[in-house]
Structure formats: structure tokens, C-alpha cells
Protein backbone atom coordinates (compact mmCIF):
# COMPACT_ATOMS: atom_id res chain seq x y z
CA MET A 1 -4.25 -4.04 -11.68
CA GLY A 2 -7.60 -2.59 -13.44
CA LYS A 3 -10.30 -3.52 -11.60
CA ALA A 4 -8.12 -3.04 -8.24
CA LYS A 5 -6.75 0.70 -9.50
CA LYS A 6 -10.98 1.91 -10.10
CA LEU A 7 -11.87 0.49 -6.41
CA PHE A 8 -8.70 2.56 -5.08
CA ASP A 9 -9.55 5.75 -7.56
CA GLU A 10 -13.25 5.24 -6.81
CA TRP A 11 -12.26 4.25 -2.25
CA GLY A 12 -10.09 7.90 -2.64
CA LYS A 13 -13.35 9.75 -4.02
CA ASN A 14 -15.84 8.34 -1.87
CA VAL A 15 -15.44 5.64 0.45
CA PRO A 16 -19.11 3.42 0.42
CA ALA A 17 -21.12 1.62 3.01
CA GLU A 18 -20.35 -1.84 2.61
CA ALA A 19 -17.98 -3.15 -0.14
CA ARG A 20 -18.61 -7.01 -1.73
CA LYS A 21 -16.05 -9.48 -0.14
CA GLN A 22 -14.91 -10.05 -3.45
CA ASP A 23 -13.70 -6.50 -4.31
CA ILE A 24 -11.87 -6.10 -0.50
CA ILE A 25 -9.62 -9.54 -1.37
CA THR A 26 -9.10 -7.54 -5.15
CA PHE A 27 -8.29 -4.26 -4.14
CA LEU A 28 -5.82 -6.90 -1.21
CA ASN A 29 -4.34 -9.41 -4.21
CA ALA A 30 -2.12 -5.32 -5.94
CA TYR A 31 -1.75 -3.62 -3.32
CA PHE A 32 -1.30 -5.75 -0.45
CA PRO A 33 0.07 -9.64 -2.36
CA GLY A 34 1.72 -12.17 -0.10
CA MET A 35 1.10 -9.98 3.25
CA TRP A 36 -2.53 -10.96 3.61
CA ASP A 37 -4.87 -14.21 5.63
CA GLN A 38 -8.22 -14.49 5.89
CA LYS A 39 -9.12 -16.69 8.98
CA GLY A 40 -11.88 -18.74 8.61
CA SER A 41 -14.33 -16.83 6.43
CA SER A 42 -15.24 -13.72 9.08
CA HIS A 43 -11.81 -11.88 9.20
CA ILE A 44 -8.95 -10.41 7.12
CA VAL A 45 -5.26 -9.98 8.20
CA ILE A 46 -2.81 -8.31 6.02
CA ARG A 47 0.46 -7.78 7.72
CA CYS A 48 3.09 -4.88 6.19
CA ASP A 49 6.20 -4.51 7.45
CA LYS A 50 6.18 -1.19 6.43
CA LEU A 51 3.03 -0.09 7.62
CA LYS A 52 4.55 0.03 10.78
CA VAL A 53 5.94 3.74 10.19
CA SER A 54 2.43 4.64 10.68
CA PRO A 55 0.89 4.26 14.65
CA ASP A 56 -2.59 2.52 13.37
CA TYR A 57 -0.77 -0.13 12.90
CA GLN A 58 1.70 -0.67 15.62
CA PRO A 59 3.37 -2.66 16.81
CA TYR A 60 3.28 -5.14 14.71
CA GLY A 61 2.24 -3.42 11.07
CA GLU A 62 -0.86 -5.20 11.13
CA LEU A 63 -5.14 -4.37 9.25
CA THR A 64 -7.65 -5.89 11.26
CA ILE A 65 -10.48 -6.27 7.85
CA PRO A 66 -13.77 -8.36 9.91
CA VAL A 67 -16.24 -9.31 7.04
CA LYS A 68 -19.79 -9.39 7.52
CA GLY A 69 -21.95 -12.75 7.50
CA GLY A 70 -18.43 -13.02 5.55
CA GLN A 71 -19.40 -11.54 2.14
CA LYS A 72 -19.69 -7.66 3.04
CA VAL A 73 -16.96 -5.27 4.95
CA LYS A 74 -18.20 -1.82 6.56
CA GLY A 75 -17.06 1.36 5.50
CA ILE A 76 -14.85 2.17 8.37
CA TYR A 77 -12.98 -1.13 7.66
CA ILE A 78 -12.69 -0.27 4.09
CA LYS A 79 -11.30 3.33 4.89
CA LYS A 80 -9.12 1.78 6.84
CA LEU A 81 -7.76 -0.06 4.48
CA PHE A 82 -7.53 2.09 1.78
CA ASN A 83 -5.98 4.30 3.96
CA ALA A 84 -3.10 1.51 4.76
CA ALA A 85 -2.72 1.55 -0.11
CA ASN A 86 -2.48 4.61 0.66
CA LEU A 87 0.85 4.91 2.88
CA LEU A 88 1.81 2.27 1.07
CA GLU A 89 1.91 4.16 -2.43
CA GLY A 90 3.00 6.79 -0.41
CA LEU A 91 6.06 5.22 0.78
CA LYS A 92 6.55 3.43 -2.76
CA LYS A 93 6.91 7.04 -4.81
CA LEU A 94 9.35 8.63 -1.52
CA ASN A 95 12.14 5.22 -1.99
CA GLU A 96 12.10 6.04 -6.07
CA ALA A 97 12.21 9.86 -5.37
CA LYS A 98 14.95 8.83 -2.92
CA HIS A 99 16.82 6.94 -5.02
CA GLU A 100 16.68 8.20 -8.53
CA LYS A 101 17.86 11.49 -6.17
CA GLY A 102 21.01 8.87 -5.22
CA SER A 103 21.44 8.34 -9.54
CA GLU A 104 21.55 11.46 -9.67
CA LEU A 105 24.08 12.33 -7.40
CA PHE A 106 25.80 9.18 -8.21
CA LEU A 107 25.55 9.96 -12.31
CA GLY A 108 27.28 13.80 -11.19
CA VAL A 109 29.93 12.21 -9.00
CA ALA A 110 31.16 10.31 -11.72
CA ILE A 111 30.93 12.75 -14.72
CA GLN A 112 33.19 15.02 -12.40
CA ASN A 113 35.15 12.61 -11.88
CA ARG A 114 36.04 11.53 -15.48
CA ASP A 115 35.94 15.61 -16.14
CA CYS A 116 38.87 15.77 -13.14
CA SER A 117 41.37 13.11 -15.31
CA ASN A 118 41.55 14.78 -18.50
CA ILE A 119 42.58 18.30 -16.45
């Protein structure tokens, strides 16, 4: 995921005026594996249920990216793609934090129960 991470970092700092379709596909394969499809050469459609949490992707959790001339994607759509990937990364981190907190709580209860049995 080296190239995709590099694109993520670059696009997070400065969205280019346009990008090559191949760069977009590299990014999609890393951040949206199995969640995108290209209809002909003119549009890439991303479908992800997790995107439904944002009004920008309602009601289906879908983002459509037009491909200009079959080879380039305009900056406005790169920004939308970056924002969707950033949202997923944030949701992933939030889920991991909840999981860790739940594990700590579970461990705390297990330790308390063990301590109580020794009394």
C-alpha cells in the first residue's frame, strides 16, 4: 500500500487539478477493495455501506467519479475520494478505540471477578 499511502498523504495536503486514472485505481484498490466498479471508461462508482453515515453519500453510500477522456480525474472528484477514504479511516480508528476500551472493560471485570473469588 506504499503508493496509495503516498497519494493519500499528498492529496491530504494539496489536491491536484487532475490525476491519472491509474493513480485513482491504485488508491481505490487500497482504500476501497472490492467496493468499486468502473462502468465503461467514463465513470467509477464506489459503493460502501459505511459511507452512509455521512449525508454526502446518502442514501446508498455511493460516490461516482467521472473519468475525463477515459484517462484523467478532476481535482474536485479527487477531493471527494480523499474525503471518503479519510472518513473510512476515521471510522476504523473509532471502531478500534471502542474495541480496545471494550477489551479493557472486559479484562477489568474478569480481574475483579477473579479477585472476588479469593475473598
